[in-house]
Amino acid sequence: MPKHQTRWAGFDDKIISLYARGMTVREIQAHLEEMYGTEVSPSLISSVTDAVVDEVKAWQARPLNPIYPIVYLDCIHVKVREGTVRVKAVYLAIGITMDGEKEV
C-alpha cells in the first residue's frame, strides 16, 4: 500500500456493495477478514456506510421536474431480513424528462 494511504483503492466501494446487499456491520467485517485477511473495525465500516446514507438522503430530497411526459413503473421482489427473511416488493419509477433524460 502506498505511503499515506489508509485503505486500498476500491475498498470503500466493496464495503458499500456489501452494505447494499443487506449485510450487517459485523457480517461485512467477517467477510472482509475472510476475503482479504485484514481486520476492519466496525467504526470504519459505519463511517463508510454513513457517508452513503447522507448522499442517499440528499438524492431523495432533490427537487423533481414538474412534468415527465413518459413514466415507466416496475416492481421487483427482493429478500429482506426483518428478524426473518421475507420477500418484499420494491417499486421503481423512471421518468423521462422533456429533454429525453432518464431520472429514477
PDB file of N, CA and C in Angstrom:
ATOM      1  N   MET A   1       0.850  -1.164   0.000  1.00  0.00           N
ATOM      2  CA  MET A   1       0.000   0.000   0.000  1.00  0.00           C
ATOM      3  C   MET A   1       0.908   1.244   0.000  1.00  0.00           C
ATOM      4  N   PRO A   2       0.622   2.227  -0.855  1.00  0.00           N
ATOM      5  CA  PRO A   2       1.456   3.430  -0.909  1.00  0.00           C
ATOM      6  C   PRO A   2       1.442   4.202   0.413  1.00  0.00           C
ATOM      7  N   LYS A   3       2.502   4.998   0.626  1.00  0.00           N
ATOM      8  CA  LYS A   3       2.576   5.817   1.842  1.00  0.00           C
ATOM      9  C   LYS A   3       1.382   6.752   1.929  1.00  0.00           C
ATOM     10  N   HIS A   4       0.967   7.036   3.138  1.00  0.00           N
ATOM     11  CA  HIS A   4      -0.128   7.963   3.457  1.00  0.00           C
ATOM     12  C   HIS A   4      -1.484   7.476   2.965  1.00  0.00           C
ATOM     13  N   GLN A   5      -1.566   6.250   2.506  1.00  0.00           N
ATOM     14  CA  GLN A   5      -2.858   5.696   2.086  1.00  0.00           C
ATOM     15  C   GLN A   5      -3.346   4.785   3.198  1.00  0.00           C
ATOM     16  N   THR A   6      -4.567   5.003   3.658  1.00  0.00           N
ATOM     17  CA  THR A   6      -5.079   4.232   4.792  1.00  0.00           C
ATOM     18  C   THR A   6      -5.876   3.009   4.364  1.00  0.00           C
ATOM     19  N   ARG A   7      -6.381   3.012   3.124  1.00  0.00           N
ATOM     20  CA  ARG A   7      -7.151   1.867   2.631  1.00  0.00           C
ATOM     21  C   ARG A   7      -6.791   1.603   1.174  1.00  0.00           C
ATOM     22  N   TRP A   8      -7.033   0.374   0.739  1.00  0.00           N
ATOM     23  CA  TRP A   8      -6.809   0.028  -0.657  1.00  0.00           C
ATOM     24  C   TRP A   8      -7.809   0.752  -1.541  1.00  0.00           C
ATOM     25  N   ALA A   9      -7.404   1.028  -2.758  1.00  0.00           N
ATOM     26  CA  ALA A   9      -8.318   1.647  -3.725  1.00  0.00           C
ATOM     27  C   ALA A   9      -9.507   0.714  -3.943  1.00  0.00           C
ATOM     28  N   GLY A  10     -10.694   1.254  -3.913  1.00  0.00           N
ATOM     29  CA  GLY A  10     -11.898   0.458  -4.122  1.00  0.00           C
ATOM     30  C   GLY A  10     -12.434  -0.226  -2.875  1.00  0.00           C
ATOM     31  N   PHE A  11     -11.723  -0.077  -1.748  1.00  0.00           N
ATOM     32  CA  PHE A  11     -12.145  -0.750  -0.517  1.00  0.00           C
ATOM     33  C   PHE A  11     -13.481  -0.212  -0.027  1.00  0.00           C
ATOM     34  N   ASP A  12     -13.654   1.109  -0.077  1.00  0.00           N
ATOM     35  CA  ASP A  12     -14.930   1.703   0.333  1.00  0.00           C
ATOM     36  C   ASP A  12     -16.064   1.199  -0.550  1.00  0.00           C
ATOM     37  N   ASP A  13     -15.799   1.072  -1.848  1.00  0.00           N
ATOM     38  CA  ASP A  13     -16.820   0.560  -2.768  1.00  0.00           C
ATOM     39  C   ASP A  13     -17.223  -0.864  -2.408  1.00  0.00           C
ATOM     40  N   LYS A  14     -16.260  -1.672  -1.983  1.00  0.00           N
ATOM     41  CA  LYS A  14     -16.553  -3.048  -1.569  1.00  0.00           C
ATOM     42  C   LYS A  14     -17.452  -3.036  -0.330  1.00  0.00           C
ATOM     43  N   ILE A  15     -17.150  -2.170   0.632  1.00  0.00           N
ATOM     44  CA  ILE A  15     -17.968  -2.060   1.845  1.00  0.00           C
ATOM     45  C   ILE A  15     -19.385  -1.630   1.482  1.00  0.00           C
ATOM     46  N   ILE A  16     -19.509  -0.638   0.613  1.00  0.00           N
ATOM     47  CA  ILE A  16     -20.821  -0.139   0.200  1.00  0.00           C
ATOM     48  C   ILE A  16     -21.606  -1.225  -0.519  1.00  0.00           C
ATOM     49  N   SER A  17     -20.925  -1.987  -1.366  1.00  0.00           N
ATOM     50  CA  SER A  17     -21.584  -3.075  -2.093  1.00  0.00           C
ATOM     51  C   SER A  17     -22.145  -4.121  -1.133  1.00  0.00           C
ATOM     52  N   LEU A  18     -21.370  -4.493  -0.137  1.00  0.00           N
ATOM     53  CA  LEU A  18     -21.831  -5.478   0.846  1.00  0.00           C
ATOM     54  C   LEU A  18     -22.982  -4.921   1.676  1.00  0.00           C
ATOM     55  N   TYR A  19     -22.890  -3.644   2.031  1.00  0.00           N
ATOM     56  CA  TYR A  19     -23.953  -2.989   2.799  1.00  0.00           C
ATOM     57  C   TYR A  19     -25.251  -2.943   1.988  1.00  0.00           C
ATOM     58  N   ALA A  20     -25.121  -2.652   0.700  1.00  0.00           N
ATOM     59  CA  ALA A  20     -26.296  -2.588  -0.173  1.00  0.00           C
ATOM     60  C   ALA A  20     -26.967  -3.948  -0.319  1.00  0.00           C
ATOM     61  N   ARG A  21     -26.223  -5.007  -0.106  1.00  0.00           N
ATOM     62  CA  ARG A  21     -26.793  -6.363  -0.174  1.00  0.00           C
ATOM     63  C   ARG A  21     -27.465  -6.779   1.125  1.00  0.00           C
ATOM     64  N   GLY A  22     -27.488  -5.856   2.088  1.00  0.00           N
ATOM     65  CA  GLY A  22     -28.208  -6.121   3.329  1.00  0.00           C
ATOM     66  C   GLY A  22     -27.365  -6.710   4.439  1.00  0.00           C
ATOM     67  N   MET A  23     -26.049  -6.738   4.267  1.00  0.00           N
ATOM     68  CA  MET A  23     -25.189  -7.299   5.303  1.00  0.00           C
ATOM     69  C   MET A  23     -25.046  -6.309   6.460  1.00  0.00           C
ATOM     70  N   THR A  24     -24.963  -6.841   7.661  1.00  0.00           N
ATOM     71  CA  THR A  24     -24.747  -6.008   8.841  1.00  0.00           C
ATOM     72  C   THR A  24     -23.270  -5.619   8.924  1.00  0.00           C
ATOM     73  N   VAL A  25     -22.964  -4.687   9.815  1.00  0.00           N
ATOM     74  CA  VAL A  25     -21.576  -4.259  10.005  1.00  0.00           C
ATOM     75  C   VAL A  25     -20.708  -5.446  10.404  1.00  0.00           C
ATOM     76  N   ARG A  26     -21.189  -6.262  11.317  1.00  0.00           N
ATOM     77  CA  ARG A  26     -20.417  -7.436  11.768  1.00  0.00           C
ATOM     78  C   ARG A  26     -20.226  -8.446  10.633  1.00  0.00           C
ATOM     79  N   GLU A  27     -21.250  -8.641   9.805  1.00  0.00           N
ATOM     80  CA  GLU A  27     -21.124  -9.559   8.666  1.00  0.00           C
ATOM     81  C   GLU A  27     -20.118  -9.030   7.649  1.00  0.00           C
ATOM     82  N   ILE A  28     -20.142  -7.726   7.411  1.00  0.00           N
ATOM     83  CA  ILE A  28     -19.173  -7.114   6.496  1.00  0.00           C
ATOM     84  C   ILE A  28     -17.765  -7.287   7.049  1.00  0.00           C
ATOM     85  N   GLN A  29     -17.608  -7.054   8.340  1.00  0.00           N
ATOM     86  CA  GLN A  29     -16.312  -7.197   8.990  1.00  0.00           C
ATOM     87  C   GLN A  29     -15.778  -8.624   8.820  1.00  0.00           C
ATOM     88  N   ALA A  30     -16.619  -9.618   9.067  1.00  0.00           N
ATOM     89  CA  ALA A  30     -16.207 -11.019   8.934  1.00  0.00           C
ATOM     90  C   ALA A  30     -15.883 -11.360   7.481  1.00  0.00           C
ATOM     91  N   HIS A  31     -16.684 -10.867   6.551  1.00  0.00           N
ATOM     92  CA  HIS A  31     -16.463 -11.146   5.130  1.00  0.00           C
ATOM     93  C   HIS A  31     -15.125 -10.570   4.660  1.00  0.00           C
ATOM     94  N   LEU A  32     -14.830  -9.329   5.035  1.00  0.00           N
ATOM     95  CA  LEU A  32     -13.580  -8.696   4.620  1.00  0.00           C
ATOM     96  C   LEU A  32     -12.373  -9.403   5.223  1.00  0.00           C
ATOM     97  N   GLU A  33     -12.512  -9.858   6.461  1.00  0.00           N
ATOM     98  CA  GLU A  33     -11.411 -10.592   7.085  1.00  0.00           C
ATOM     99  C   GLU A  33     -11.182 -11.919   6.373  1.00  0.00           C
ATOM    100  N   GLU A  34     -12.270 -12.587   6.006  1.00  0.00           N
ATOM    101  CA  GLU A  34     -12.162 -13.870   5.303  1.00  0.00           C
ATOM    102  C   GLU A  34     -11.573 -13.694   3.898  1.00  0.00           C
ATOM    103  N   MET A  35     -12.031 -12.674   3.179  1.00  0.00           N
ATOM    104  CA  MET A  35     -11.610 -12.484   1.787  1.00  0.00           C
ATOM    105  C   MET A  35     -10.213 -11.874   1.661  1.00  0.00           C
ATOM    106  N   TYR A  36      -9.893 -10.906   2.520  1.00  0.00           N
ATOM    107  CA  TYR A  36      -8.645 -10.163   2.368  1.00  0.00           C
ATOM    108  C   TYR A  36      -7.639 -10.409   3.490  1.00  0.00           C
ATOM    109  N   GLY A  37      -8.061 -11.139   4.514  1.00  0.00           N
ATOM    110  CA  GLY A  37      -7.161 -11.425   5.615  1.00  0.00           C
ATOM    111  C   GLY A  37      -6.801 -10.205   6.440  1.00  0.00           C
ATOM    112  N   THR A  38      -7.680  -9.220   6.430  1.00  0.00           N
ATOM    113  CA  THR A  38      -7.417  -7.999   7.192  1.00  0.00           C
ATOM    114  C   THR A  38      -8.593  -7.693   8.103  1.00  0.00           C
ATOM    115  N   GLU A  39      -8.280  -7.217   9.290  1.00  0.00           N
ATOM    116  CA  GLU A  39      -9.334  -6.879  10.239  1.00  0.00           C
ATOM    117  C   GLU A  39      -9.731  -5.418  10.046  1.00  0.00           C
ATOM    118  N   VAL A  40     -11.017  -5.197   9.888  1.00  0.00           N
ATOM    119  CA  VAL A  40     -11.556  -3.857   9.683  1.00  0.00           C
ATOM    120  C   VAL A  40     -12.457  -3.540  10.866  1.00  0.00           C
ATOM    121  N   SER A  41     -12.284  -2.369  11.441  1.00  0.00           N
ATOM    122  CA  SER A  41     -13.068  -2.016  12.626  1.00  0.00           C
ATOM    123  C   SER A  41     -14.516  -1.709  12.249  1.00  0.00           C
ATOM    124  N   PRO A  42     -15.447  -2.016  13.151  1.00  0.00           N
ATOM    125  CA  PRO A  42     -16.850  -1.665  12.902  1.00  0.00           C
ATOM    126  C   PRO A  42     -17.041  -0.164  12.704  1.00  0.00           C
ATOM    127  N   SER A  43     -16.228   0.658  13.388  1.00  0.00           N
ATOM    128  CA  SER A  43     -16.376   2.108  13.236  1.00  0.00           C
ATOM    129  C   SER A  43     -15.985   2.568  11.832  1.00  0.00           C
ATOM    130  N   LEU A  44     -14.985   1.936  11.218  1.00  0.00           N
ATOM    131  CA  LEU A  44     -14.614   2.276   9.844  1.00  0.00           C
ATOM    132  C   LEU A  44     -15.746   1.924   8.892  1.00  0.00           C
ATOM    133  N   ILE A  45     -16.309   0.739   9.050  1.00  0.00           N
ATOM    134  CA  ILE A  45     -17.417   0.311   8.193  1.00  0.00           C
ATOM    135  C   ILE A  45     -18.596   1.260   8.361  1.00  0.00           C
ATOM    136  N   SER A  46     -18.904   1.619   9.597  1.00  0.00           N
ATOM    137  CA  SER A  46     -20.021   2.537   9.855  1.00  0.00           C
ATOM    138  C   SER A  46     -19.775   3.908   9.244  1.00  0.00           C
ATOM    139  N   SER A  47     -18.542   4.400   9.312  1.00  0.00           N
ATOM    140  CA  SER A  47     -18.266   5.724   8.736  1.00  0.00           C
ATOM    141  C   SER A  47     -18.415   5.709   7.222  1.00  0.00           C
ATOM    142  N   VAL A  48     -18.028   4.613   6.577  1.00  0.00           N
ATOM    143  CA  VAL A  48     -18.184   4.499   5.120  1.00  0.00           C
ATOM    144  C   VAL A  48     -19.663   4.426   4.756  1.00  0.00           C
ATOM    145  N   THR A  49     -20.426   3.597   5.465  1.00  0.00           N
ATOM    146  CA  THR A  49     -21.850   3.457   5.140  1.00  0.00           C
ATOM    147  C   THR A  49     -22.638   4.707   5.512  1.00  0.00           C
ATOM    148  N   ASP A  50     -22.245   5.402   6.579  1.00  0.00           N
ATOM    149  CA  ASP A  50     -22.928   6.646   6.959  1.00  0.00           C
ATOM    150  C   ASP A  50     -22.773   7.715   5.884  1.00  0.00           C
ATOM    151  N   ALA A  51     -21.612   7.769   5.242  1.00  0.00           N
ATOM    152  CA  ALA A  51     -21.392   8.741   4.163  1.00  0.00           C
ATOM    153  C   ALA A  51     -22.354   8.481   3.009  1.00  0.00           C
ATOM    154  N   VAL A  52     -22.608   7.217   2.723  1.00  0.00           N
ATOM    155  CA  VAL A  52     -23.541   6.872   1.645  1.00  0.00           C
ATOM    156  C   VAL A  52     -24.964   7.235   2.036  1.00  0.00           C
ATOM    157  N   VAL A  53     -25.318   7.019   3.287  1.00  0.00           N
ATOM    158  CA  VAL A  53     -26.662   7.346   3.754  1.00  0.00           C
ATOM    159  C   VAL A  53     -26.939   8.836   3.561  1.00  0.00           C
ATOM    160  N   ASP A  54     -25.951   9.684   3.841  1.00  0.00           N
ATOM    161  CA  ASP A  54     -26.117  11.128   3.638  1.00  0.00           C
ATOM    162  C   ASP A  54     -26.349  11.458   2.164  1.00  0.00           C
ATOM    163  N   GLU A  55     -25.602  10.791   1.275  1.00  0.00           N
ATOM    164  CA  GLU A  55     -25.785  11.011  -0.162  1.00  0.00           C
ATOM    165  C   GLU A  55     -27.171  10.561  -0.612  1.00  0.00           C
ATOM    166  N   VAL A  56     -27.625   9.438  -0.098  1.00  0.00           N
ATOM    167  CA  VAL A  56     -28.950   8.919  -0.463  1.00  0.00           C
ATOM    168  C   VAL A  56     -30.035   9.883  -0.002  1.00  0.00           C
ATOM    169  N   LYS A  57     -29.915  10.396   1.216  1.00  0.00           N
ATOM    170  CA  LYS A  57     -30.914  11.345   1.724  1.00  0.00           C
ATOM    171  C   LYS A  57     -30.956  12.610   0.873  1.00  0.00           C
ATOM    172  N   ALA A  58     -29.785  13.103   0.454  1.00  0.00           N
ATOM    173  CA  ALA A  58     -29.741  14.290  -0.413  1.00  0.00           C
ATOM    174  C   ALA A  58     -30.399  13.989  -1.756  1.00  0.00           C
ATOM    175  N   TRP A  59     -30.142  12.805  -2.312  1.00  0.00           N
ATOM    176  CA  TRP A  59     -30.742  12.413  -3.586  1.00  0.00           C
ATOM    177  C   TRP A  59     -32.263  12.304  -3.451  1.00  0.00           C
ATOM    178  N   GLN A  60     -32.732  11.719  -2.355  1.00  0.00           N
ATOM    179  CA  GLN A  60     -34.168  11.564  -2.146  1.00  0.00           C
ATOM    180  C   GLN A  60     -34.868  12.910  -1.975  1.00  0.00           C
ATOM    181  N   ALA A  61     -34.165  13.910  -1.459  1.00  0.00           N
ATOM    182  CA  ALA A  61     -34.769  15.217  -1.204  1.00  0.00           C
ATOM    183  C   ALA A  61     -34.622  16.184  -2.384  1.00  0.00           C
ATOM    184  N   ARG A  62     -34.015  15.732  -3.478  1.00  0.00           N
ATOM    185  CA  ARG A  62     -33.804  16.629  -4.617  1.00  0.00           C
ATOM    186  C   ARG A  62     -35.140  17.025  -5.236  1.00  0.00           C
ATOM    187  N   PRO A  63     -35.195  18.200  -5.846  1.00  0.00           N
ATOM    188  CA  PRO A  63     -36.446  18.609  -6.500  1.00  0.00           C
ATOM    189  C   PRO A  63     -36.672  17.813  -7.787  1.00  0.00           C
ATOM    190  N   LEU A  64     -37.919  17.468  -8.043  1.00  0.00           N
ATOM    191  CA  LEU A  64     -38.279  16.761  -9.273  1.00  0.00           C
ATOM    192  C   LEU A  64     -38.808  17.750 -10.296  1.00  0.00           C
ATOM    193  N   ASN A  65     -38.714  17.369 -11.560  1.00  0.00           N
ATOM    194  CA  ASN A  65     -39.292  18.201 -12.619  1.00  0.00           C
ATOM    195  C   ASN A  65     -40.806  18.244 -12.451  1.00  0.00           C
ATOM    196  N   PRO A  66     -41.438  19.338 -12.843  1.00  0.00           N
ATOM    197  CA  PRO A  66     -42.900  19.404 -12.727  1.00  0.00           C
ATOM    198  C   PRO A  66     -43.609  18.489 -13.730  1.00  0.00           C
ATOM    199  N   ILE A  67     -42.938  18.177 -14.859  1.00  0.00           N
ATOM    200  CA  ILE A  67     -43.572  17.347 -15.893  1.00  0.00           C
ATOM    201  C   ILE A  67     -42.599  16.273 -16.365  1.00  0.00           C
ATOM    202  N   TYR A  68     -43.096  15.041 -16.434  1.00  0.00           N
ATOM    203  CA  TYR A  68     -42.397  13.927 -17.061  1.00  0.00           C
ATOM    204  C   TYR A  68     -43.360  13.367 -18.108  1.00  0.00           C
ATOM    205  N   PRO A  69     -43.094  13.595 -19.402  1.00  0.00           N
ATOM    206  CA  PRO A  69     -44.037  13.136 -20.416  1.00  0.00           C
ATOM    207  C   PRO A  69     -44.202  11.615 -20.454  1.00  0.00           C
ATOM    208  N   ILE A  70     -43.166  10.883 -20.036  1.00  0.00           N
ATOM    209  CA  ILE A  70     -43.235   9.421 -20.012  1.00  0.00           C
ATOM    210  C   ILE A  70     -42.760   8.951 -18.642  1.00  0.00           C
ATOM    211  N   VAL A  71     -43.516   8.038 -18.042  1.00  0.00           N
ATOM    212  CA  VAL A  71     -43.131   7.450 -16.760  1.00  0.00           C
ATOM    213  C   VAL A  71     -43.292   5.940 -16.861  1.00  0.00           C
ATOM    214  N   TYR A  72     -42.215   5.218 -16.559  1.00  0.00           N
ATOM    215  CA  TYR A  72     -42.244   3.758 -16.520  1.00  0.00           C
ATOM    216  C   TYR A  72     -42.326   3.326 -15.058  1.00  0.00           C
ATOM    217  N   LEU A  73     -43.198   2.375 -14.777  1.00  0.00           N
ATOM    218  CA  LEU A  73     -43.334   1.828 -13.426  1.00  0.00           C
ATOM    219  C   LEU A  73     -43.037   0.342 -13.476  1.00  0.00           C
ATOM    220  N   ASP A  74     -42.306  -0.151 -12.478  1.00  0.00           N
ATOM    221  CA  ASP A  74     -41.980  -1.568 -12.422  1.00  0.00           C
ATOM    222  C   ASP A  74     -41.854  -1.975 -10.958  1.00  0.00           C
ATOM    223  N   CYS A  75     -41.806  -3.258 -10.743  1.00  0.00           N
ATOM    224  CA  CYS A  75     -41.702  -3.803  -9.391  1.00  0.00           C
ATOM    225  C   CYS A  75     -40.803  -5.030  -9.434  1.00  0.00           C
ATOM    226  N   ILE A  76     -39.931  -5.149  -8.452  1.00  0.00           N
ATOM    227  CA  ILE A  76     -39.148  -6.370  -8.298  1.00  0.00           C
ATOM    228  C   ILE A  76     -39.362  -6.874  -6.872  1.00  0.00           C
ATOM    229  N   HIS A  77     -39.190  -8.149  -6.692  1.00  0.00           N
ATOM    230  CA  HIS A  77     -39.336  -8.744  -5.367  1.00  0.00           C
ATOM    231  C   HIS A  77     -37.953  -9.153  -4.868  1.00  0.00           C
ATOM    232  N   VAL A  78     -37.617  -8.699  -3.666  1.00  0.00           N
ATOM    233  CA  VAL A  78     -36.311  -8.981  -3.089  1.00  0.00           C
ATOM    234  C   VAL A  78     -36.474  -9.567  -1.694  1.00  0.00           C
ATOM    235  N   LYS A  79     -35.486 -10.348  -1.303  1.00  0.00           N
ATOM    236  CA  LYS A  79     -35.482 -10.904   0.043  1.00  0.00           C
ATOM    237  C   LYS A  79     -34.851  -9.888   0.981  1.00  0.00           C
ATOM    238  N   VAL A  80     -35.523  -9.616   2.097  1.00  0.00           N
ATOM    239  CA  VAL A  80     -35.008  -8.699   3.108  1.00  0.00           C
ATOM    240  C   VAL A  80     -35.006  -9.399   4.459  1.00  0.00           C
ATOM    241  N   ARG A  81     -34.120  -8.941   5.311  1.00  0.00           N
ATOM    242  CA  ARG A  81     -34.006  -9.528   6.637  1.00  0.00           C
ATOM    243  C   ARG A  81     -34.676  -8.599   7.631  1.00  0.00           C
ATOM    244  N   GLU A  82     -35.790  -9.043   8.198  1.00  0.00           N
ATOM    245  CA  GLU A  82     -36.503  -8.316   9.250  1.00  0.00           C
ATOM    246  C   GLU A  82     -36.831  -9.320  10.352  1.00  0.00           C
ATOM    247  N   GLY A  83     -35.804  -9.678  11.089  1.00  0.00           N
ATOM    248  CA  GLY A  83     -35.968 -10.761  12.056  1.00  0.00           C
ATOM    249  C   GLY A  83     -35.838 -12.096  11.343  1.00  0.00           C
ATOM    250  N   THR A  84     -36.682 -12.286  10.345  1.00  0.00           N
ATOM    251  CA  THR A  84     -36.578 -13.444   9.463  1.00  0.00           C
ATOM    252  C   THR A  84     -36.439 -12.921   8.038  1.00  0.00           C
ATOM    253  N   VAL A  85     -36.138 -13.816   7.119  1.00  0.00           N
ATOM    254  CA  VAL A  85     -36.037 -13.406   5.717  1.00  0.00           C
ATOM    255  C   VAL A  85     -37.434 -13.394   5.125  1.00  0.00           C
ATOM    256  N   ARG A  86     -37.793 -12.244   4.526  1.00  0.00           N
ATOM    257  CA  ARG A  86     -39.105 -12.081   3.897  1.00  0.00           C
ATOM    258  C   ARG A  86     -38.909 -11.549   2.491  1.00  0.00           C
ATOM    259  N   VAL A  87     -39.896 -11.769   1.656  1.00  0.00           N
ATOM    260  CA  VAL A  87     -39.874 -11.214   0.307  1.00  0.00           C
ATOM    261  C   VAL A  87     -40.728  -9.952   0.309  1.00  0.00           C
ATOM    262  N   LYS A  88     -40.139  -8.859  -0.176  1.00  0.00           N
ATOM    263  CA  LYS A  88     -40.858  -7.590  -0.244  1.00  0.00           C
ATOM    264  C   LYS A  88     -40.805  -7.045  -1.655  1.00  0.00           C
ATOM    265  N   ALA A  89     -41.829  -6.285  -2.008  1.00  0.00           N
ATOM    266  CA  ALA A  89     -41.879  -5.645  -3.318  1.00  0.00           C
ATOM    267  C   ALA A  89     -41.142  -4.311  -3.263  1.00  0.00           C
ATOM    268  N   VAL A  90     -40.330  -4.059  -4.268  1.00  0.00           N
ATOM    269  CA  VAL A  90     -39.646  -2.773  -4.418  1.00  0.00           C
ATOM    270  C   VAL A  90     -40.161  -2.158  -5.712  1.00  0.00           C
ATOM    271  N   TYR A  91     -40.791  -1.009  -5.586  1.00  0.00           N
ATOM    272  CA  TYR A  91     -41.370  -0.336  -6.746  1.00  0.00           C
ATOM    273  C   TYR A  91     -40.382   0.689  -7.285  1.00  0.00           C
ATOM    274  N   LEU A  92     -40.321   0.779  -8.590  1.00  0.00           N
ATOM    275  CA  LEU A  92     -39.389   1.672  -9.255  1.00  0.00           C
ATOM    276  C   LEU A  92     -40.130   2.497 -10.289  1.00  0.00           C
ATOM    277  N   ALA A  93     -39.856   3.787 -10.309  1.00  0.00           N
ATOM    278  CA  ALA A  93     -40.431   4.681 -11.319  1.00  0.00           C
ATOM    279  C   ALA A  93     -39.284   5.376 -12.038  1.00  0.00           C
ATOM    280  N   ILE A  94     -39.311   5.338 -13.355  1.00  0.00           N
ATOM    281  CA  ILE A  94     -38.329   6.045 -14.173  1.00  0.00           C
ATOM    282  C   ILE A  94     -39.082   7.065 -15.001  1.00  0.00           C
ATOM    283  N   GLY A  95     -38.726   8.324 -14.830  1.00  0.00           N
ATOM    284  CA  GLY A  95     -39.352   9.394 -15.596  1.00  0.00           C
ATOM    285  C   GLY A  95     -38.432   9.850 -16.708  1.00  0.00           C
ATOM    286  N   ILE A  96     -39.001  10.103 -17.860  1.00  0.00           N
ATOM    287  CA  ILE A  96     -38.260  10.654 -18.990  1.00  0.00           C
ATOM    288  C   ILE A  96     -38.570  12.151 -19.038  1.00  0.00           C
ATOM    289  N   THR A  97     -37.537  12.973 -18.980  1.00  0.00           N
ATOM    290  CA  THR A  97     -37.732  14.424 -18.985  1.00  0.00           C
ATOM    291  C   THR A  97     -38.068  14.913 -20.390  1.00  0.00           C
ATOM    292  N   MET A  98     -38.402  16.170 -20.487  1.00  0.00           N
ATOM    293  CA  MET A  98     -38.693  16.781 -21.787  1.00  0.00           C
ATOM    294  C   MET A  98     -37.465  16.739 -22.702  1.00  0.00           C
ATOM    295  N   ASP A  99     -36.265  16.677 -22.111  1.00  0.00           N
ATOM    296  CA  ASP A  99     -35.023  16.611 -22.885  1.00  0.00           C
ATOM    297  C   ASP A  99     -34.617  15.181 -23.228  1.00  0.00           C
ATOM    298  N   GLY A 100     -35.419  14.186 -22.795  1.00  0.00           N
ATOM    299  CA  GLY A 100     -35.111  12.790 -23.088  1.00  0.00           C
ATOM    300  C   GLY A 100     -34.197  12.129 -22.079  1.00  0.00           C
ATOM    301  N   GLU A 101     -33.885  12.809 -20.984  1.00  0.00           N
ATOM    302  CA  GLU A 101     -33.045  12.238 -19.935  1.00  0.00           C
ATOM    303  C   GLU A 101     -33.888  11.350 -19.021  1.00  0.00           C
ATOM    304  N   LYS A 102     -33.274  10.270 -18.514  1.00  0.00           N
ATOM    305  CA  LYS A 102     -33.965   9.373 -17.585  1.00  0.00           C
ATOM    306  C   LYS A 102     -33.638   9.767 -16.151  1.00  0.00           C
ATOM    307  N   GLU A 103     -34.652   9.765 -15.306  1.00  0.00           N
ATOM    308  CA  GLU A 103     -34.477  10.014 -13.873  1.00  0.00           C
ATOM    309  C   GLU A 103     -35.211   8.937 -13.095  1.00  0.00           C
ATOM    310  N   VAL A 104     -34.552   8.419 -12.078  1.00  0.00           N
ATOM    311  CA  VAL A 104     -35.174   7.412 -11.223  1.00  0.00           C
ATOM    312  C   VAL A 104     -35.927   8.120 -10.124  1.00  0.00           C
TER     313      VAL A 104
END
